[in-house]
Amino acid sequence: MKLLLDENLPRKLKVDFGPDFEVKTVRDMGWTGKKNSELLELIALNGFDFFVTVDKNLRYQQNLDRFDFSIFLLISVNNRRETLQKLVEKIKDRIKKSDYLRLTEIT
């Protein structure tokens, strides 16, 4: 499963997903600074299954139904790796159980 971490997430967070996931960051892909509309198109064109972000405005700025991948919106007090690691486990559980929607909030 291919998963992309948004540029506002710690890069080291990709290690926390383990070997069952192919995890890239926006920086790995050379997409830093792309606007949301262009970024979402690139995610779709490159065959990612999931996009992980903390951008709460994404759902209001874009028509997410036109994309074939799912988005996990992390709701957290901060975006430090130590805080977000707990949410990574919740994402992995949701994926394993196929318990997610086009946009799924993870708290």
N, C-alpha and C. Protein backbone atom coordinates (compact mmCIF):
# COMPACT_ATOMS: atom_id res chain seq x y z
N MET A 1 0.83 -1.17 0.00
CA MET A 1 0.00 0.00 0.00
C MET A 1 0.88 1.24 0.00
N LYS A 2 0.55 2.15 -0.88
CA LYS A 2 1.33 3.38 -1.00
C LYS A 2 0.66 4.50 -0.21
N LEU A 3 1.48 5.16 0.61
CA LEU A 3 0.98 6.19 1.50
C LEU A 3 1.88 7.42 1.39
N LEU A 4 1.28 8.60 1.32
CA LEU A 4 2.05 9.85 1.23
C LEU A 4 1.78 10.69 2.46
N LEU A 5 2.86 11.19 3.08
CA LEU A 5 2.77 12.09 4.22
C LEU A 5 2.91 13.52 3.74
N ASP A 6 2.02 14.38 4.18
CA ASP A 6 2.05 15.79 3.80
C ASP A 6 3.32 16.45 4.32
N GLU A 7 3.67 17.59 3.73
CA GLU A 7 4.93 18.25 4.06
C GLU A 7 4.95 18.83 5.47
N ASN A 8 3.79 19.00 6.10
CA ASN A 8 3.76 19.56 7.45
C ASN A 8 3.86 18.48 8.53
N LEU A 9 4.13 17.25 8.14
CA LEU A 9 4.33 16.14 9.08
C LEU A 9 5.82 15.82 9.18
N PRO A 10 6.25 15.32 10.34
CA PRO A 10 7.66 14.96 10.50
C PRO A 10 8.06 13.84 9.52
N ARG A 11 9.18 13.99 8.85
CA ARG A 11 9.64 12.99 7.88
C ARG A 11 9.89 11.63 8.52
N LYS A 12 10.37 11.62 9.74
CA LYS A 12 10.68 10.36 10.42
C LYS A 12 9.43 9.56 10.75
N LEU A 13 8.27 10.18 10.64
CA LEU A 13 7.02 9.47 10.91
C LEU A 13 6.81 8.31 9.95
N LYS A 14 7.42 8.40 8.77
CA LYS A 14 7.23 7.33 7.79
C LYS A 14 7.77 5.99 8.29
N VAL A 15 8.77 6.02 9.13
CA VAL A 15 9.35 4.79 9.70
C VAL A 15 8.34 4.08 10.60
N ASP A 16 7.47 4.84 11.22
CA ASP A 16 6.51 4.28 12.18
C ASP A 16 5.42 3.43 11.52
N PHE A 17 5.28 3.50 10.21
CA PHE A 17 4.28 2.68 9.52
C PHE A 17 4.77 1.25 9.30
N GLY A 18 6.07 1.03 9.39
CA GLY A 18 6.60 -0.32 9.26
C GLY A 18 6.71 -0.81 7.83
N PRO A 19 7.13 -2.07 7.66
CA PRO A 19 7.44 -2.61 6.33
C PRO A 19 6.23 -2.95 5.46
N ASP A 20 5.04 -2.94 6.04
CA ASP A 20 3.85 -3.29 5.25
C ASP A 20 3.38 -2.16 4.34
N PHE A 21 3.97 -0.99 4.51
CA PHE A 21 3.57 0.19 3.74
C PHE A 21 4.76 0.77 2.99
N GLU A 22 4.49 1.25 1.79
CA GLU A 22 5.46 2.03 1.05
C GLU A 22 5.13 3.49 1.34
N VAL A 23 5.90 4.12 2.21
CA VAL A 23 5.60 5.47 2.67
C VAL A 23 6.60 6.46 2.10
N LYS A 24 6.06 7.50 1.52
CA LYS A 24 6.87 8.60 0.98
C LYS A 24 6.37 9.88 1.62
N THR A 25 7.23 10.89 1.61
CA THR A 25 6.82 12.22 2.04
C THR A 25 6.72 13.12 0.82
N VAL A 26 6.02 14.23 0.99
CA VAL A 26 5.93 15.21 -0.09
C VAL A 26 7.35 15.64 -0.50
N ARG A 27 8.21 15.80 0.48
CA ARG A 27 9.60 16.18 0.20
C ARG A 27 10.32 15.09 -0.60
N ASP A 28 10.13 13.82 -0.25
CA ASP A 28 10.75 12.71 -1.00
C ASP A 28 10.38 12.79 -2.47
N MET A 29 9.14 13.16 -2.73
CA MET A 29 8.62 13.19 -4.10
C MET A 29 8.99 14.46 -4.85
N GLY A 30 9.57 15.44 -4.15
CA GLY A 30 9.93 16.70 -4.78
C GLY A 30 8.74 17.62 -4.99
N TRP A 31 7.71 17.46 -4.18
CA TRP A 31 6.47 18.22 -4.34
C TRP A 31 6.28 19.30 -3.29
N THR A 32 7.33 19.66 -2.57
CA THR A 32 7.23 20.68 -1.54
C THR A 32 6.75 21.99 -2.14
N GLY A 33 5.80 22.63 -1.48
CA GLY A 33 5.29 23.92 -1.91
C GLY A 33 4.17 23.86 -2.93
N LYS A 34 3.77 22.67 -3.36
CA LYS A 34 2.67 22.55 -4.32
C LYS A 34 1.36 22.96 -3.66
N LYS A 35 0.51 23.61 -4.41
CA LYS A 35 -0.83 23.95 -3.92
C LYS A 35 -1.64 22.66 -3.79
N ASN A 36 -2.64 22.68 -2.91
CA ASN A 36 -3.43 21.47 -2.65
C ASN A 36 -4.00 20.84 -3.91
N SER A 37 -4.53 21.64 -4.81
CA SER A 37 -5.14 21.08 -6.02
C SER A 37 -4.12 20.33 -6.85
N GLU A 38 -2.95 20.89 -7.03
CA GLU A 38 -1.90 20.23 -7.80
C GLU A 38 -1.36 19.01 -7.06
N LEU A 39 -1.21 19.13 -5.76
CA LEU A 39 -0.71 18.02 -4.95
C LEU A 39 -1.66 16.82 -5.03
N LEU A 40 -2.95 17.06 -4.91
CA LEU A 40 -3.92 15.97 -4.98
C LEU A 40 -3.89 15.28 -6.34
N GLU A 41 -3.73 16.05 -7.39
CA GLU A 41 -3.61 15.47 -8.75
C GLU A 41 -2.37 14.59 -8.84
N LEU A 42 -1.25 15.06 -8.30
CA LEU A 42 -0.01 14.28 -8.33
C LEU A 42 -0.13 12.99 -7.52
N ILE A 43 -0.81 13.06 -6.41
CA ILE A 43 -1.04 11.87 -5.58
C ILE A 43 -1.80 10.83 -6.39
N ALA A 44 -2.85 11.27 -7.05
CA ALA A 44 -3.67 10.36 -7.86
C ALA A 44 -2.87 9.79 -9.03
N LEU A 45 -2.15 10.64 -9.74
CA LEU A 45 -1.38 10.20 -10.91
C LEU A 45 -0.27 9.21 -10.55
N ASN A 46 0.23 9.29 -9.34
CA ASN A 46 1.33 8.43 -8.91
C ASN A 46 0.87 7.21 -8.12
N GLY A 47 -0.42 6.96 -8.12
CA GLY A 47 -0.94 5.71 -7.58
C GLY A 47 -0.89 5.54 -6.07
N PHE A 48 -0.93 6.64 -5.34
CA PHE A 48 -0.97 6.51 -3.88
C PHE A 48 -2.36 6.06 -3.45
N ASP A 49 -2.40 5.22 -2.41
CA ASP A 49 -3.66 4.74 -1.86
C ASP A 49 -4.19 5.65 -0.76
N PHE A 50 -3.24 6.29 -0.03
CA PHE A 50 -3.61 7.11 1.12
C PHE A 50 -2.74 8.35 1.19
N PHE A 51 -3.34 9.42 1.69
CA PHE A 51 -2.65 10.68 1.94
C PHE A 51 -2.91 11.03 3.40
N VAL A 52 -1.85 11.36 4.15
CA VAL A 52 -1.98 11.70 5.56
C VAL A 52 -1.60 13.17 5.74
N THR A 53 -2.48 13.93 6.39
CA THR A 53 -2.27 15.36 6.54
C THR A 53 -2.85 15.85 7.86
N VAL A 54 -2.49 17.08 8.24
CA VAL A 54 -3.12 17.76 9.36
C VAL A 54 -3.87 19.00 8.86
N ASP A 55 -4.00 19.15 7.57
CA ASP A 55 -4.64 20.31 6.95
C ASP A 55 -6.16 20.20 7.06
N LYS A 56 -6.73 20.86 8.08
CA LYS A 56 -8.17 20.77 8.34
C LYS A 56 -9.00 21.47 7.27
N ASN A 57 -8.41 22.37 6.51
CA ASN A 57 -9.16 23.11 5.49
C ASN A 57 -9.27 22.36 4.17
N LEU A 58 -8.53 21.30 3.99
CA LEU A 58 -8.49 20.58 2.72
C LEU A 58 -9.89 20.19 2.24
N ARG A 59 -10.72 19.69 3.13
CA ARG A 59 -12.07 19.24 2.74
C ARG A 59 -12.96 20.37 2.25
N TYR A 60 -12.67 21.59 2.68
CA TYR A 60 -13.49 22.74 2.27
C TYR A 60 -12.97 23.39 0.99
N GLN A 61 -11.70 23.14 0.68
CA GLN A 61 -11.06 23.79 -0.46
C GLN A 61 -11.08 22.94 -1.73
N GLN A 62 -11.30 21.64 -1.60
CA GLN A 62 -11.19 20.74 -2.74
C GLN A 62 -12.37 19.78 -2.80
N ASN A 63 -12.70 19.33 -4.01
CA ASN A 63 -13.70 18.28 -4.19
C ASN A 63 -12.99 16.94 -4.09
N LEU A 64 -13.00 16.36 -2.92
CA LEU A 64 -12.23 15.14 -2.66
C LEU A 64 -12.85 13.90 -3.29
N ASP A 65 -14.13 13.96 -3.63
CA ASP A 65 -14.82 12.80 -4.21
C ASP A 65 -14.29 12.43 -5.59
N ARG A 66 -13.58 13.31 -6.24
CA ARG A 66 -13.10 13.00 -7.59
C ARG A 66 -11.79 12.20 -7.59
N PHE A 67 -11.26 11.91 -6.42
CA PHE A 67 -9.99 11.18 -6.33
C PHE A 67 -10.22 9.74 -5.87
N ASP A 68 -9.34 8.85 -6.31
CA ASP A 68 -9.45 7.42 -6.00
C ASP A 68 -8.65 7.00 -4.77
N PHE A 69 -8.11 7.94 -4.04
CA PHE A 69 -7.36 7.60 -2.82
C PHE A 69 -8.10 8.16 -1.61
N SER A 70 -7.73 7.67 -0.44
CA SER A 70 -8.35 8.12 0.80
C SER A 70 -7.39 9.03 1.56
N ILE A 71 -7.97 9.90 2.36
CA ILE A 71 -7.18 10.87 3.12
C ILE A 71 -7.44 10.66 4.60
N PHE A 72 -6.35 10.61 5.36
CA PHE A 72 -6.45 10.56 6.81
C PHE A 72 -6.07 11.94 7.34
N LEU A 73 -7.02 12.58 8.01
CA LEU A 73 -6.81 13.89 8.61
C LEU A 73 -6.51 13.68 10.09
N LEU A 74 -5.28 13.99 10.47
CA LEU A 74 -4.86 13.82 11.86
C LEU A 74 -5.29 15.02 12.68
N ILE A 75 -6.03 14.77 13.74
CA ILE A 75 -6.46 15.82 14.66
C ILE A 75 -5.63 15.66 15.93
N SER A 76 -4.74 16.62 16.15
CA SER A 76 -3.78 16.49 17.24
C SER A 76 -3.44 17.87 17.80
N VAL A 77 -2.94 17.87 19.03
CA VAL A 77 -2.57 19.14 19.67
C VAL A 77 -1.33 19.76 19.04
N ASN A 78 -0.50 18.94 18.40
CA ASN A 78 0.67 19.44 17.70
C ASN A 78 1.06 18.43 16.62
N ASN A 79 2.07 18.73 15.84
CA ASN A 79 2.49 17.80 14.78
C ASN A 79 3.88 17.23 15.05
N ARG A 80 4.22 17.05 16.32
CA ARG A 80 5.49 16.41 16.67
C ARG A 80 5.35 14.90 16.51
N ARG A 81 6.45 14.28 16.15
CA ARG A 81 6.44 12.83 15.90
C ARG A 81 5.94 12.06 17.12
N GLU A 82 6.40 12.44 18.30
CA GLU A 82 6.02 11.72 19.51
C GLU A 82 4.51 11.73 19.73
N THR A 83 3.87 12.80 19.36
CA THR A 83 2.42 12.91 19.49
C THR A 83 1.71 12.11 18.41
N LEU A 84 2.20 12.21 17.20
CA LEU A 84 1.53 11.59 16.05
C LEU A 84 1.73 10.08 15.96
N GLN A 85 2.74 9.55 16.62
CA GLN A 85 2.99 8.10 16.57
C GLN A 85 1.77 7.31 17.03
N LYS A 86 1.05 7.81 18.02
CA LYS A 86 -0.15 7.12 18.50
C LYS A 86 -1.23 7.08 17.42
N LEU A 87 -1.29 8.11 16.62
CA LEU A 87 -2.28 8.17 15.55
C LEU A 87 -1.91 7.26 14.39
N VAL A 88 -0.62 7.03 14.19
CA VAL A 88 -0.17 6.11 13.14
C VAL A 88 -0.74 4.72 13.39
N GLU A 89 -0.72 4.28 14.63
CA GLU A 89 -1.28 2.96 14.97
C GLU A 89 -2.77 2.91 14.65
N LYS A 90 -3.47 4.00 14.90
CA LYS A 90 -4.90 4.05 14.59
C LYS A 90 -5.13 3.99 13.08
N ILE A 91 -4.29 4.65 12.32
CA ILE A 91 -4.40 4.60 10.85
C ILE A 91 -4.19 3.18 10.37
N LYS A 92 -3.15 2.54 10.86
CA LYS A 92 -2.85 1.17 10.44
C LYS A 92 -4.00 0.22 10.78
N ASP A 93 -4.60 0.40 11.95
CA ASP A 93 -5.74 -0.43 12.33
C ASP A 93 -6.93 -0.19 11.41
N ARG A 94 -7.20 1.07 11.08
CA ARG A 94 -8.33 1.40 10.20
C ARG A 94 -8.12 0.80 8.81
N ILE A 95 -6.89 0.89 8.32
CA ILE A 95 -6.59 0.33 6.99
C ILE A 95 -6.76 -1.19 7.02
N LYS A 96 -6.25 -1.82 8.05
CA LYS A 96 -6.34 -3.28 8.18
C LYS A 96 -7.79 -3.75 8.20
N LYS A 97 -8.66 -2.97 8.86
CA LYS A 97 -10.08 -3.33 8.97
C LYS A 97 -10.91 -2.77 7.82
N SER A 98 -10.29 -2.05 6.90
CA SER A 98 -11.01 -1.35 5.82
C SER A 98 -12.09 -0.44 6.39
N ASP A 99 -11.77 0.23 7.47
CA ASP A 99 -12.70 1.09 8.19
C ASP A 99 -12.32 2.56 7.97
N TYR A 100 -12.46 3.02 6.73
CA TYR A 100 -12.13 4.41 6.43
C TYR A 100 -13.00 4.87 5.27
N LEU A 101 -13.12 6.16 5.16
CA LEU A 101 -13.91 6.81 4.10
C LEU A 101 -12.96 7.59 3.21
N ARG A 102 -13.52 8.36 2.29
CA ARG A 102 -12.69 9.22 1.44
C ARG A 102 -11.84 10.14 2.30
N LEU A 103 -12.46 10.72 3.35
CA LEU A 103 -11.74 11.55 4.33
C LEU A 103 -12.09 11.01 5.70
N THR A 104 -11.09 10.58 6.42
CA THR A 104 -11.29 10.00 7.75
C THR A 104 -10.48 10.79 8.76
N GLU A 105 -11.16 11.29 9.78
CA GLU A 105 -10.45 11.98 10.84
C GLU A 105 -9.92 10.96 11.84
N ILE A 106 -8.69 11.15 12.24
CA ILE A 106 -8.04 10.28 13.21
C ILE A 106 -7.69 11.14 14.42
N THR A 107 -8.25 10.77 15.57
CA THR A 107 -8.00 11.56 16.80
C THR A 107 -7.37 10.69 17.86
